[in-house]
């Protein structure tokens, strides 16, 4: 087992969490790595913390840049990386001491271009205690291989759970399969999913480590918790990219499933915006719905889905009343069925 691993950590205003992230890399049982810290124009003490660690360990490289977003920071890091493998880690998360060594071993033994770690969600208040406890546990390594068709199928049906192919954190990627694939810098959310989808479109397979050795920190500033207009537009564009990609590759059933799921998501988001009286988000979702109605993929959906969607965005009070009525009759049938 050999090969330099480039650990890519984009940094932005993460001073309270950054030390734990970097230290989790430095204590890896696999020593042949370089740690690339790309600071994306932080305004807190993040850059100073990066420089401090650089002085302590020659394997760390620090690249400050103007703020351009996490995708731009990751792309810049990829260009600087010298490793045979790339490993992606978010600056507020951390990893188990044996993770790099384990993923590298699995990638080489299974011939997989992508090795994926299971992840554990931990609240920020308990992060140090829980990560230390899990890292001390003696755990048997458990994994399974996923062929390319199954990996692509995960984008339409998450049969492996946890949304393992929706985020880039905890992924070890063989550099040679990357080619020209980079993160879409115009997306603020969903860029991870699109990046991984494009990788699997190249034909690569994956291996999934079932041990939850990627520690995902939950806190109020997490990017995934921020849902403004850009979030909805980015997720929409990411999913439409995958819908059209699946159709272009002849996987029409998968394309239809992803399109249908996107439609349901838009309806859920729209109902929530009205329920919570978020008028600015309601207007954004109405704009997205207007664009969706013009798409070729929308016209191929079942008639009932299209009618429901059109009714919701054109006459919401009627849609809401019909939905409540249907829910009432469904629950009554379920109650009656229990007494038969």
C-alpha atoms as a PDB file:
ATOM      1  CA  UNK A   1       0.000   0.000   0.000  1.00  0.00           C
ATOM      2  CA  UNK A   2       1.565   3.270  -1.113  1.00  0.00           C
ATOM      3  CA  UNK A   3       0.834   6.635  -2.673  1.00  0.00           C
ATOM      4  CA  UNK A   4       0.824  10.228  -1.567  1.00  0.00           C
ATOM      5  CA  UNK A   5      -2.610  11.423  -0.390  1.00  0.00           C
ATOM      6  CA  UNK A   6      -3.449  15.097  -0.838  1.00  0.00           C
ATOM      7  CA  UNK A   7      -5.869  16.080   1.921  1.00  0.00           C
ATOM      8  CA  UNK A   8      -7.848  19.069   0.650  1.00  0.00           C
ATOM      9  CA  UNK A   9      -9.377  21.400   3.239  1.00  0.00           C
ATOM     10  CA  UNK A  10     -11.020  24.618   2.035  1.00  0.00           C
ATOM     11  CA  UNK A  11     -11.004  27.104   4.922  1.00  0.00           C
ATOM     12  CA  UNK A  12     -13.423  29.952   5.541  1.00  0.00           C
ATOM     13  CA  UNK A  13     -14.074  31.619   8.925  1.00  0.00           C
ATOM     14  CA  UNK A  14     -13.636  28.356  10.822  1.00  0.00           C
ATOM     15  CA  UNK A  15     -11.389  29.501  13.672  1.00  0.00           C
ATOM     16  CA  UNK A  16     -13.419  27.787  16.449  1.00  0.00           C
ATOM     17  CA  UNK A  17     -13.250  24.406  14.697  1.00  0.00           C
ATOM     18  CA  UNK A  18     -10.110  24.450  12.563  1.00  0.00           C
ATOM     19  CA  UNK A  19      -7.599  23.132  15.097  1.00  0.00           C
ATOM     20  CA  UNK A  20      -9.600  19.959  15.701  1.00  0.00           C
ATOM     21  CA  UNK A  21      -9.859  19.412  11.954  1.00  0.00           C
ATOM     22  CA  UNK A  22      -6.117  19.819  11.296  1.00  0.00           C
ATOM     23  CA  UNK A  23      -5.067  17.775  14.331  1.00  0.00           C
ATOM     24  CA  UNK A  24      -7.264  14.877  13.194  1.00  0.00           C
ATOM     25  CA  UNK A  25      -5.235  14.771   9.953  1.00  0.00           C
ATOM     26  CA  UNK A  26      -1.865  15.066  11.679  1.00  0.00           C
ATOM     27  CA  UNK A  27      -2.589  12.066  13.915  1.00  0.00           C
ATOM     28  CA  UNK A  28      -3.324   9.718  10.990  1.00  0.00           C
ATOM     29  CA  UNK A  29      -1.720   6.265  11.080  1.00  0.00           C
ATOM     30  CA  UNK A  30      -0.843   6.722   7.384  1.00  0.00           C
ATOM     31  CA  UNK A  31       1.977   9.292   7.283  1.00  0.00           C
ATOM     32  CA  UNK A  32       2.427   9.801   3.520  1.00  0.00           C
ATOM     33  CA  UNK A  33       0.119  12.743   2.992  1.00  0.00           C
ATOM     34  CA  UNK A  34       0.182  16.447   2.277  1.00  0.00           C
ATOM     35  CA  UNK A  35      -2.380  18.716   3.883  1.00  0.00           C
ATOM     36  CA  UNK A  36      -3.511  21.558   1.621  1.00  0.00           C
ATOM     37  CA  UNK A  37      -5.198  24.411   3.481  1.00  0.00           C
ATOM     38  CA  UNK A  38      -6.726  26.935   1.084  1.00  0.00           C
ATOM     39  CA  UNK A  39      -8.071  29.953   2.916  1.00  0.00           C
ATOM     40  CA  UNK A  40     -10.960  31.510   1.003  1.00  0.00           C
ATOM     41  CA  UNK A  41     -10.594  35.065   2.267  1.00  0.00           C
ATOM     42  CA  UNK A  42     -11.410  34.425   5.930  1.00  0.00           C
ATOM     43  CA  UNK A  43     -12.027  37.465   8.106  1.00  0.00           C
ATOM     44  CA  UNK A  44     -11.418  35.711  11.432  1.00  0.00           C
ATOM     45  CA  UNK A  45      -8.255  34.042  12.796  1.00  0.00           C
ATOM     46  CA  UNK A  46      -8.373  31.067  10.403  1.00  0.00           C
ATOM     47  CA  UNK A  47      -5.387  32.172   8.304  1.00  0.00           C
ATOM     48  CA  UNK A  48      -3.228  32.671  11.400  1.00  0.00           C
ATOM     49  CA  UNK A  49      -4.127  29.184  12.648  1.00  0.00           C
ATOM     50  CA  UNK A  50      -3.161  27.714   9.271  1.00  0.00           C
ATOM     51  CA  UNK A  51       0.203  29.488   9.323  1.00  0.00           C
ATOM     52  CA  UNK A  52       0.826  28.315  12.874  1.00  0.00           C
ATOM     53  CA  UNK A  53       0.381  24.663  11.863  1.00  0.00           C
ATOM     54  CA  UNK A  54       2.486  25.159   8.711  1.00  0.00           C
ATOM     55  CA  UNK A  55       5.449  26.125  10.878  1.00  0.00           C
ATOM     56  CA  UNK A  56       5.060  22.905  12.871  1.00  0.00           C
ATOM     57  CA  UNK A  57       4.747  20.321  10.079  1.00  0.00           C
ATOM     58  CA  UNK A  58       6.344  20.436   6.603  1.00  0.00           C
ATOM     59  CA  UNK A  59       3.549  18.297   5.155  1.00  0.00           C
ATOM     60  CA  UNK A  60       1.155  21.237   5.479  1.00  0.00           C
ATOM     61  CA  UNK A  61       0.847  23.777   2.678  1.00  0.00           C
ATOM     62  CA  UNK A  62      -1.131  26.987   3.017  1.00  0.00           C
ATOM     63  CA  UNK A  63      -2.638  29.007   0.166  1.00  0.00           C
ATOM     64  CA  UNK A  64      -4.505  32.245   0.970  1.00  0.00           C
ATOM     65  CA  UNK A  65      -6.805  33.628  -1.712  1.00  0.00           C
ATOM     66  CA  UNK A  66      -9.579  36.163  -2.183  1.00  0.00           C
ATOM     67  CA  UNK A  67     -13.056  34.977  -1.308  1.00  0.00           C
ATOM     68  CA  UNK A  68     -14.530  33.063  -4.227  1.00  0.00           C
ATOM     69  CA  UNK A  69     -16.575  30.318  -2.627  1.00  0.00           C
ATOM     70  CA  UNK A  70     -15.879  26.751  -1.527  1.00  0.00           C
ATOM     71  CA  UNK A  71     -15.913  25.330  -5.073  1.00  0.00           C
ATOM     72  CA  UNK A  72     -13.268  27.780  -6.242  1.00  0.00           C
ATOM     73  CA  UNK A  73     -11.149  26.986  -3.163  1.00  0.00           C
ATOM     74  CA  UNK A  74     -11.397  23.227  -3.808  1.00  0.00           C
ATOM     75  CA  UNK A  75     -10.561  23.675  -7.494  1.00  0.00           C
ATOM     76  CA  UNK A  76      -7.508  25.760  -6.599  1.00  0.00           C
ATOM     77  CA  UNK A  77      -6.443  23.051  -4.146  1.00  0.00           C
ATOM     78  CA  UNK A  78      -6.795  20.339  -6.795  1.00  0.00           C
ATOM     79  CA  UNK A  79      -4.419  22.258  -9.060  1.00  0.00           C
ATOM     80  CA  UNK A  80      -1.860  22.475  -6.240  1.00  0.00           C
ATOM     81  CA  UNK A  81      -2.211  18.838  -5.170  1.00  0.00           C
ATOM     82  CA  UNK A  82       0.691  16.460  -5.861  1.00  0.00           C
ATOM     83  CA  UNK A  83      -0.909  13.275  -4.550  1.00  0.00           C
ATOM     84  CA  UNK A  84      -1.881  10.085  -6.326  1.00  0.00           C
ATOM     85  CA  UNK A  85      -5.079  10.311  -4.290  1.00  0.00           C
ATOM     86  CA  UNK A  86      -7.220  13.254  -3.188  1.00  0.00           C
ATOM     87  CA  UNK A  87      -9.127  13.240   0.092  1.00  0.00           C
ATOM     88  CA  UNK A  88     -11.712  15.919   0.844  1.00  0.00           C
ATOM     89  CA  UNK A  89     -12.363  17.217   4.349  1.00  0.00           C
ATOM     90  CA  UNK A  90     -14.450  20.208   5.441  1.00  0.00           C
ATOM     91  CA  UNK A  91     -12.754  22.635   7.801  1.00  0.00           C
ATOM     92  CA  UNK A  92     -15.278  22.202  10.616  1.00  0.00           C
ATOM     93  CA  UNK A  93     -15.230  18.383  10.517  1.00  0.00           C
ATOM     94  CA  UNK A  94     -12.672  15.766  11.597  1.00  0.00           C
ATOM     95  CA  UNK A  95     -11.658  12.167  10.831  1.00  0.00           C
ATOM     96  CA  UNK A  96     -10.775   8.940  12.641  1.00  0.00           C
ATOM     97  CA  UNK A  97      -6.989   8.333  13.001  1.00  0.00           C
ATOM     98  CA  UNK A  98      -7.106   5.236  10.764  1.00  0.00           C
ATOM     99  CA  UNK A  99      -9.350   6.643   8.047  1.00  0.00           C
ATOM    100  CA  UNK A 100      -6.783   7.545   5.381  1.00  0.00           C
ATOM    101  CA  UNK A 101      -4.938   4.242   5.734  1.00  0.00           C
ATOM    102  CA  UNK A 102      -8.187   2.255   5.649  1.00  0.00           C
ATOM    103  CA  UNK A 103      -9.646   4.027   2.611  1.00  0.00           C
ATOM    104  CA  UNK A 104      -6.378   3.718   0.700  1.00  0.00           C
ATOM    105  CA  UNK A 105      -6.182   0.003   1.460  1.00  0.00           C
ATOM    106  CA  UNK A 106      -9.788  -0.544   0.366  1.00  0.00           C
ATOM    107  CA  UNK A 107      -9.332   1.478  -2.820  1.00  0.00           C
ATOM    108  CA  UNK A 108      -6.276  -0.529  -3.848  1.00  0.00           C
ATOM    109  CA  UNK A 109      -7.622  -3.946  -2.875  1.00  0.00           C
ATOM    110  CA  UNK A 110     -11.011  -3.377  -4.549  1.00  0.00           C
ATOM    111  CA  UNK A 111      -9.726  -1.437  -7.562  1.00  0.00           C
ATOM    112  CA  UNK A 112     -12.177   1.382  -6.820  1.00  0.00           C
ATOM    113  CA  UNK A 113     -11.674   4.924  -8.028  1.00  0.00           C
ATOM    114  CA  UNK A 114     -13.694   6.324  -5.116  1.00  0.00           C
ATOM    115  CA  UNK A 115     -13.510   5.168  -1.496  1.00  0.00           C
ATOM    116  CA  UNK A 116     -16.215   6.508   0.800  1.00  0.00           C
ATOM    117  CA  UNK A 117     -16.363   6.730   4.582  1.00  0.00           C
ATOM    118  CA  UNK A 118     -19.531   6.409   6.594  1.00  0.00           C
ATOM    119  CA  UNK A 119     -20.144   9.533   8.648  1.00  0.00           C
ATOM    120  CA  UNK A 120     -21.259  10.345  12.143  1.00  0.00           C
ATOM    121  CA  UNK A 121     -23.225  13.535  12.853  1.00  0.00           C
ATOM    122  CA  UNK A 122     -22.065  15.145  16.111  1.00  0.00           C
ATOM    123  CA  UNK A 123     -23.263  18.357  17.724  1.00  0.00           C
ATOM    124  CA  UNK A 124     -20.559  20.946  18.157  1.00  0.00           C
ATOM    125  CA  UNK A 125     -21.018  20.992  21.930  1.00  0.00           C
ATOM    126  CA  UNK A 126     -20.130  17.284  22.183  1.00  0.00           C
ATOM    127  CA  UNK A 127     -17.684  17.119  19.285  1.00  0.00           C
ATOM    128  CA  UNK A 128     -14.394  16.699  21.175  1.00  0.00           C
ATOM    129  CA  UNK A 129     -15.719  14.108  23.607  1.00  0.00           C
ATOM    130  CA  UNK A 130     -17.520  11.976  21.034  1.00  0.00           C
ATOM    131  CA  UNK A 131     -14.765  12.008  18.403  1.00  0.00           C
ATOM    132  CA  UNK A 132     -12.194  11.063  21.043  1.00  0.00           C
ATOM    133  CA  UNK A 133     -14.387   8.221  22.298  1.00  0.00           C
ATOM    134  CA  UNK A 134     -15.040   6.797  18.830  1.00  0.00           C
ATOM    135  CA  UNK A 135     -11.369   7.106  17.866  1.00  0.00           C
ATOM    136  CA  UNK A 136     -10.335   5.039  20.894  1.00  0.00           C
ATOM    137  CA  UNK A 137     -12.779   2.230  20.145  1.00  0.00           C
ATOM    138  CA  UNK A 138     -11.440  -0.931  18.566  1.00  0.00           C
ATOM    139  CA  UNK A 139     -13.649  -1.498  15.550  1.00  0.00           C
ATOM    140  CA  UNK A 140     -13.501  -4.183  12.923  1.00  0.00           C
ATOM    141  CA  UNK A 141     -13.353  -2.676   9.443  1.00  0.00           C
ATOM    142  CA  UNK A 142     -16.555  -3.376   7.527  1.00  0.00           C
ATOM    143  CA  UNK A 143     -17.070  -2.464   3.872  1.00  0.00           C
ATOM    144  CA  UNK A 144     -18.712  -3.411   0.599  1.00  0.00           C
ATOM    145  CA  UNK A 145     -17.973  -2.737  -3.060  1.00  0.00           C
ATOM    146  CA  UNK A 146     -20.328  -0.859  -5.357  1.00  0.00           C
ATOM    147  CA  UNK A 147     -20.096  -1.291  -9.122  1.00  0.00           C
ATOM    148  CA  UNK A 148     -20.519   1.663 -11.449  1.00  0.00           C
ATOM    149  CA  UNK A 149     -24.185   0.984 -12.374  1.00  0.00           C
ATOM    150  CA  UNK A 150     -25.108   0.712  -8.689  1.00  0.00           C
ATOM    151  CA  UNK A 151     -23.176   3.884  -7.866  1.00  0.00           C
ATOM    152  CA  UNK A 152     -25.009   5.828 -10.568  1.00  0.00           C
ATOM    153  CA  UNK A 153     -28.287   4.335  -9.358  1.00  0.00           C
ATOM    154  CA  UNK A 154     -27.650   5.927  -5.958  1.00  0.00           C
ATOM    155  CA  UNK A 155     -28.421   9.336  -7.452  1.00  0.00           C
ATOM    156  CA  UNK A 156     -32.002   8.286  -8.183  1.00  0.00           C
ATOM    157  CA  UNK A 157     -32.552   5.902  -5.270  1.00  0.00           C
ATOM    158  CA  UNK A 158     -30.462   6.165  -2.095  1.00  0.00           C
ATOM    159  CA  UNK A 159     -30.403   2.458  -1.355  1.00  0.00           C
ATOM    160  CA  UNK A 160     -27.213   2.672   0.727  1.00  0.00           C
ATOM    161  CA  UNK A 161     -28.605   5.395   2.990  1.00  0.00           C
ATOM    162  CA  UNK A 162     -27.077   8.553   4.463  1.00  0.00           C
ATOM    163  CA  UNK A 163     -26.877  10.252   1.066  1.00  0.00           C
ATOM    164  CA  UNK A 164     -23.312   9.004   0.701  1.00  0.00           C
ATOM    165  CA  UNK A 165     -22.897  10.453  -2.793  1.00  0.00           C
ATOM    166  CA  UNK A 166     -24.381  13.861  -2.045  1.00  0.00           C
ATOM    167  CA  UNK A 167     -21.404  15.342  -0.146  1.00  0.00           C
ATOM    168  CA  UNK A 168     -17.680  15.329  -0.909  1.00  0.00           C
ATOM    169  CA  UNK A 169     -16.447  15.103   2.703  1.00  0.00           C
ATOM    170  CA  UNK A 170     -14.893  11.714   3.523  1.00  0.00           C
ATOM    171  CA  UNK A 171     -14.215  10.727  -0.121  1.00  0.00           C
ATOM    172  CA  UNK A 172     -10.821   9.396  -1.245  1.00  0.00           C
ATOM    173  CA  UNK A 173     -10.515   9.752  -5.035  1.00  0.00           C
ATOM    174  CA  UNK A 174      -7.870   8.280  -7.271  1.00  0.00           C
ATOM    175  CA  UNK A 175      -6.334  11.282  -9.075  1.00  0.00           C
ATOM    176  CA  UNK A 176      -6.163   9.557 -12.463  1.00  0.00           C
ATOM    177  CA  UNK A 177      -9.962   9.279 -12.755  1.00  0.00           C
ATOM    178  CA  UNK A 178     -10.469  12.981 -12.163  1.00  0.00           C
ATOM    179  CA  UNK A 179      -9.544  14.144 -15.650  1.00  0.00           C
ATOM    180  CA  UNK A 180     -11.081  17.558 -16.282  1.00  0.00           C
ATOM    181  CA  UNK A 181     -13.847  17.152 -13.681  1.00  0.00           C
ATOM    182  CA  UNK A 182     -13.955  20.112 -11.323  1.00  0.00           C
ATOM    183  CA  UNK A 183     -16.469  21.711  -8.956  1.00  0.00           C
ATOM    184  CA  UNK A 184     -19.013  24.030 -10.570  1.00  0.00           C
ATOM    185  CA  UNK A 185     -18.128  27.444  -9.169  1.00  0.00           C
ATOM    186  CA  UNK A 186     -21.532  28.867 -10.085  1.00  0.00           C
ATOM    187  CA  UNK A 187     -23.290  26.567  -7.608  1.00  0.00           C
ATOM    188  CA  UNK A 188     -23.431  27.419  -3.919  1.00  0.00           C
ATOM    189  CA  UNK A 189     -25.141  24.130  -2.948  1.00  0.00           C
ATOM    190  CA  UNK A 190     -25.246  20.751  -4.641  1.00  0.00           C
ATOM    191  CA  UNK A 191     -21.792  21.233  -6.169  1.00  0.00           C
ATOM    192  CA  UNK A 192     -20.570  18.130  -4.289  1.00  0.00           C
ATOM    193  CA  UNK A 193     -23.355  15.999  -5.753  1.00  0.00           C
ATOM    194  CA  UNK A 194     -22.766  17.216  -9.286  1.00  0.00           C
ATOM    195  CA  UNK A 195     -19.004  16.662  -8.961  1.00  0.00           C
ATOM    196  CA  UNK A 196     -19.454  13.069  -7.775  1.00  0.00           C
ATOM    197  CA  UNK A 197     -22.067  12.367 -10.433  1.00  0.00           C
ATOM    198  CA  UNK A 198     -19.665  13.487 -13.168  1.00  0.00           C
ATOM    199  CA  UNK A 199     -16.951  11.247 -11.688  1.00  0.00           C
ATOM    200  CA  UNK A 200     -19.178   8.179 -11.760  1.00  0.00           C
ATOM    201  CA  UNK A 201     -20.243   8.985 -15.319  1.00  0.00           C
ATOM    202  CA  UNK A 202     -16.631   8.190 -16.263  1.00  0.00           C
ATOM    203  CA  UNK A 203     -17.289   4.534 -15.349  1.00  0.00           C
ATOM    204  CA  UNK A 204     -15.500   4.232 -12.025  1.00  0.00           C
ATOM    205  CA  UNK A 205     -16.605   1.975  -9.167  1.00  0.00           C
ATOM    206  CA  UNK A 206     -16.699   2.693  -5.435  1.00  0.00           C
ATOM    207  CA  UNK A 207     -16.010   0.995  -2.130  1.00  0.00           C
ATOM    208  CA  UNK A 208     -17.993   2.012   0.955  1.00  0.00           C
ATOM    209  CA  UNK A 209     -16.501   1.866   4.443  1.00  0.00           C
ATOM    210  CA  UNK A 210     -19.396   1.140   6.798  1.00  0.00           C
ATOM    211  CA  UNK A 211     -17.505   2.428   9.849  1.00  0.00           C
ATOM    212  CA  UNK A 212     -18.636   5.972  10.676  1.00  0.00           C
ATOM    213  CA  UNK A 213     -15.156   7.461  10.681  1.00  0.00           C
ATOM    214  CA  UNK A 214     -15.909  10.853   9.150  1.00  0.00           C
ATOM    215  CA  UNK A 215     -17.090  13.174  11.904  1.00  0.00           C
ATOM    216  CA  UNK A 216     -19.570  15.745  10.628  1.00  0.00           C
ATOM    217  CA  UNK A 217     -19.947  18.687  12.989  1.00  0.00           C
ATOM    218  CA  UNK A 218     -23.441  20.134  13.429  1.00  0.00           C
ATOM    219  CA  UNK A 219     -23.515  23.823  14.279  1.00  0.00           C
ATOM    220  CA  UNK A 220     -25.565  26.878  13.421  1.00  0.00           C
ATOM    221  CA  UNK A 221     -23.100  28.167  10.815  1.00  0.00           C
ATOM    222  CA  UNK A 222     -22.994  24.955   8.764  1.00  0.00           C
ATOM    223  CA  UNK A 223     -23.358  25.785   5.068  1.00  0.00           C
ATOM    224  CA  UNK A 224     -25.887  22.997   4.653  1.00  0.00           C
ATOM    225  CA  UNK A 225     -28.208  24.734   7.151  1.00  0.00           C
ATOM    226  CA  UNK A 226     -28.369  28.035   5.255  1.00  0.00           C
ATOM    227  CA  UNK A 227     -31.358  28.113   2.929  1.00  0.00           C
ATOM    228  CA  UNK A 228     -31.681  31.357   1.029  1.00  0.00           C
ATOM    229  CA  UNK A 229     -32.619  31.948  -2.626  1.00  0.00           C
ATOM    230  CA  UNK A 230     -29.215  30.733  -3.849  1.00  0.00           C
ATOM    231  CA  UNK A 231     -29.731  27.396  -2.085  1.00  0.00           C
ATOM    232  CA  UNK A 232     -32.934  26.613  -3.975  1.00  0.00           C
ATOM    233  CA  UNK A 233     -31.641  27.733  -7.361  1.00  0.00           C
ATOM    234  CA  UNK A 234     -28.394  25.786  -6.902  1.00  0.00           C
ATOM    235  CA  UNK A 235     -30.100  22.562  -5.845  1.00  0.00           C
ATOM    236  CA  UNK A 236     -32.533  22.915  -8.742  1.00  0.00           C
ATOM    237  CA  UNK A 237     -29.747  23.406 -11.292  1.00  0.00           C
ATOM    238  CA  UNK A 238     -27.703  20.557  -9.842  1.00  0.00           C
ATOM    239  CA  UNK A 239     -30.628  18.140 -10.035  1.00  0.00           C
ATOM    240  CA  UNK A 240     -31.563  19.235 -13.560  1.00  0.00           C
ATOM    241  CA  UNK A 241     -27.951  18.606 -14.604  1.00  0.00           C
ATOM    242  CA  UNK A 242     -28.230  15.032 -13.330  1.00  0.00           C
ATOM    243  CA  UNK A 243     -31.716  14.542 -14.835  1.00  0.00           C
ATOM    244  CA  UNK A 244     -30.427  15.549 -18.255  1.00  0.00           C
ATOM    245  CA  UNK A 245     -27.218  13.584 -17.834  1.00  0.00           C
ATOM    246  CA  UNK A 246     -29.123  10.401 -17.081  1.00  0.00           C
ATOM    247  CA  UNK A 247     -31.375  10.960 -20.088  1.00  0.00           C
ATOM    248  CA  UNK A 248     -28.371  11.625 -22.349  1.00  0.00           C
ATOM    249  CA  UNK A 249     -26.800   8.314 -21.239  1.00  0.00           C
ATOM    250  CA  UNK A 250     -29.994   6.412 -22.025  1.00  0.00           C
ATOM    251  CA  UNK A 251     -31.029   5.895 -18.390  1.00  0.00           C
ATOM    252  CA  UNK A 252     -34.510   7.320 -18.900  1.00  0.00           C
ATOM    253  CA  UNK A 253     -36.136   5.598 -15.922  1.00  0.00           C
ATOM    254  CA  UNK A 254     -33.520   7.026 -13.562  1.00  0.00           C
ATOM    255  CA  UNK A 255     -33.879  10.450 -15.182  1.00  0.00           C
ATOM    256  CA  UNK A 256     -37.639  10.348 -14.611  1.00  0.00           C
ATOM    257  CA  UNK A 257     -37.284   9.305 -10.969  1.00  0.00           C
ATOM    258  CA  UNK A 258     -34.869  12.152 -10.204  1.00  0.00           C
ATOM    259  CA  UNK A 259     -37.136  14.635 -12.011  1.00  0.00           C
ATOM    260  CA  UNK A 260     -40.140  13.406 -10.030  1.00  0.00           C
ATOM    261  CA  UNK A 261     -38.240  13.697  -6.745  1.00  0.00           C
ATOM    262  CA  UNK A 262     -37.206  17.240  -7.676  1.00  0.00           C
ATOM    263  CA  UNK A 263     -40.845  18.109  -8.321  1.00  0.00           C
ATOM    264  CA  UNK A 264     -41.873  16.797  -4.900  1.00  0.00           C
ATOM    265  CA  UNK A 265     -39.032  18.750  -3.266  1.00  0.00           C
ATOM    266  CA  UNK A 266     -40.183  21.964  -4.942  1.00  0.00           C
ATOM    267  CA  UNK A 267     -43.709  21.379  -3.678  1.00  0.00           C
ATOM    268  CA  UNK A 268     -42.448  20.692  -0.139  1.00  0.00           C
ATOM    269  CA  UNK A 269     -40.314  23.831  -0.156  1.00  0.00           C
ATOM    270  CA  UNK A 270     -43.176  25.908  -1.535  1.00  0.00           C
ATOM    271  CA  UNK A 271     -45.639  24.695   1.083  1.00  0.00           C
ATOM    272  CA  UNK A 272     -43.093  25.454   3.812  1.00  0.00           C
ATOM    273  CA  UNK A 273     -42.466  28.978   2.464  1.00  0.00           C
ATOM    274  CA  UNK A 274     -46.192  29.733   2.569  1.00  0.00           C
ATOM    275  CA  UNK A 275     -46.748  28.086   5.935  1.00  0.00           C
ATOM    276  CA  UNK A 276     -43.865  30.054   7.464  1.00  0.00           C
ATOM    277  CA  UNK A 277     -44.860  33.251   5.596  1.00  0.00           C
ATOM    278  CA  UNK A 278     -41.442  33.601   3.935  1.00  0.00           C
ATOM    279  CA  UNK A 279     -42.584  35.723   1.035  1.00  0.00           C
ATOM    280  CA  UNK A 280     -39.123  36.253  -0.460  1.00  0.00           C
ATOM    281  CA  UNK A 281     -38.528  32.485  -0.678  1.00  0.00           C
ATOM    282  CA  UNK A 282     -42.049  31.921  -1.976  1.00  0.00           C
ATOM    283  CA  UNK A 283     -41.344  34.278  -4.878  1.00  0.00           C
ATOM    284  CA  UNK A 284     -38.030  32.539  -5.596  1.00  0.00           C
ATOM    285  CA  UNK A 285     -39.739  29.153  -5.724  1.00  0.00           C
ATOM    286  CA  UNK A 286     -42.420  30.555  -8.013  1.00  0.00           C
ATOM    287  CA  UNK A 287     -39.660  31.701 -10.367  1.00  0.00           C
ATOM    288  CA  UNK A 288     -38.094  28.239 -10.292  1.00  0.00           C
ATOM    289  CA  UNK A 289     -41.499  26.654 -10.918  1.00  0.00           C
ATOM    290  CA  UNK A 290     -42.002  28.914 -13.937  1.00  0.00           C
ATOM    291  CA  UNK A 291     -38.697  27.701 -15.393  1.00  0.00           C
ATOM    292  CA  UNK A 292     -39.520  24.084 -14.518  1.00  0.00           C
ATOM    293  CA  UNK A 293     -42.863  24.194 -16.326  1.00  0.00           C
ATOM    294  CA  UNK A 294     -41.037  25.096 -19.559  1.00  0.00           C
ATOM    295  CA  UNK A 295     -38.606  22.176 -19.333  1.00  0.00           C
ATOM    296  CA  UNK A 296     -38.813  19.133 -21.574  1.00  0.00           C
ATOM    297  CA  UNK A 297     -38.433  16.806 -18.572  1.00  0.00           C
ATOM    298  CA  UNK A 298     -41.516  18.272 -16.889  1.00  0.00           C
ATOM    299  CA  UNK A 299     -43.669  17.491 -19.918  1.00  0.00           C
ATOM    300  CA  UNK A 300     -42.740  13.796 -19.650  1.00  0.00           C
ATOM    301  CA  UNK A 301     -43.940  13.396 -16.066  1.00  0.00           C
ATOM    302  CA  UNK A 302     -47.228  11.611 -15.276  1.00  0.00           C
ATOM    303  CA  UNK A 303     -50.282  13.831 -15.799  1.00  0.00           C
ATOM    304  CA  UNK A 304     -51.296  13.706 -12.130  1.00  0.00           C
ATOM    305  CA  UNK A 305     -47.895  15.080 -11.046  1.00  0.00           C
ATOM    306  CA  UNK A 306     -48.043  17.896 -13.569  1.00  0.00           C
ATOM    307  CA  UNK A 307     -51.590  18.844 -12.580  1.00  0.00           C
ATOM    308  CA  UNK A 308     -50.684  18.856  -8.873  1.00  0.00           C
ATOM    309  CA  UNK A 309     -47.647  21.037  -9.557  1.00  0.00           C
ATOM    310  CA  UNK A 310     -49.503  23.494 -11.802  1.00  0.00           C
ATOM    311  CA  UNK A 311     -52.367  23.791  -9.326  1.00  0.00           C
ATOM    312  CA  UNK A 312     -50.001  24.481  -6.418  1.00  0.00           C
ATOM    313  CA  UNK A 313     -48.227  27.314  -8.179  1.00  0.00           C
ATOM    314  CA  UNK A 314     -51.235  28.832  -9.936  1.00  0.00           C
ATOM    315  CA  UNK A 315     -54.038  28.491  -7.349  1.00  0.00           C
ATOM    316  CA  UNK A 316     -52.576  27.497  -4.015  1.00  0.00           C
ATOM    317  CA  UNK A 317     -55.779  27.762  -1.905  1.00  0.00           C
ATOM    318  CA  UNK A 318     -57.498  25.193  -4.149  1.00  0.00           C
ATOM    319  CA  UNK A 319     -54.405  22.966  -4.137  1.00  0.00           C
ATOM    320  CA  UNK A 320     -54.222  23.172  -0.330  1.00  0.00           C
ATOM    321  CA  UNK A 321     -57.908  22.339   0.091  1.00  0.00           C
ATOM    322  CA  UNK A 322     -57.709  19.358  -2.282  1.00  0.00           C
ATOM    323  CA  UNK A 323     -54.560  18.085  -0.570  1.00  0.00           C
ATOM    324  CA  UNK A 324     -56.195  18.273   2.868  1.00  0.00           C
ATOM    325  CA  UNK A 325     -59.281  16.473   1.567  1.00  0.00           C
ATOM    326  CA  UNK A 326     -57.237  13.672   0.005  1.00  0.00           C
ATOM    327  CA  UNK A 327     -55.204  13.330   3.214  1.00  0.00           C
ATOM    328  CA  UNK A 328     -58.421  13.048   5.247  1.00  0.00           C
ATOM    329  CA  UNK A 329     -59.811  10.245   3.056  1.00  0.00           C
ATOM    330  CA  UNK A 330     -56.460   8.418   3.020  1.00  0.00           C
ATOM    331  CA  UNK A 331     -56.238   8.418   6.808  1.00  0.00           C
ATOM    332  CA  UNK A 332     -59.862   7.280   7.099  1.00  0.00           C
ATOM    333  CA  UNK A 333     -59.184   4.330   4.773  1.00  0.00           C
ATOM    334  CA  UNK A 334     -56.157   3.420   6.859  1.00  0.00           C
ATOM    335  CA  UNK A 335     -58.220   3.489  10.066  1.00  0.00           C
ATOM    336  CA  UNK A 336     -60.941   1.371   8.485  1.00  0.00           C
ATOM    337  CA  UNK A 337     -58.382  -1.121   7.199  1.00  0.00           C
ATOM    338  CA  UNK A 338     -57.050  -1.668  10.731  1.00  0.00           C
ATOM    339  CA  UNK A 339     -60.504  -2.853  11.865  1.00  0.00           C
ATOM    340  CA  UNK A 340     -61.060  -5.307   9.019  1.00  0.00           C
END
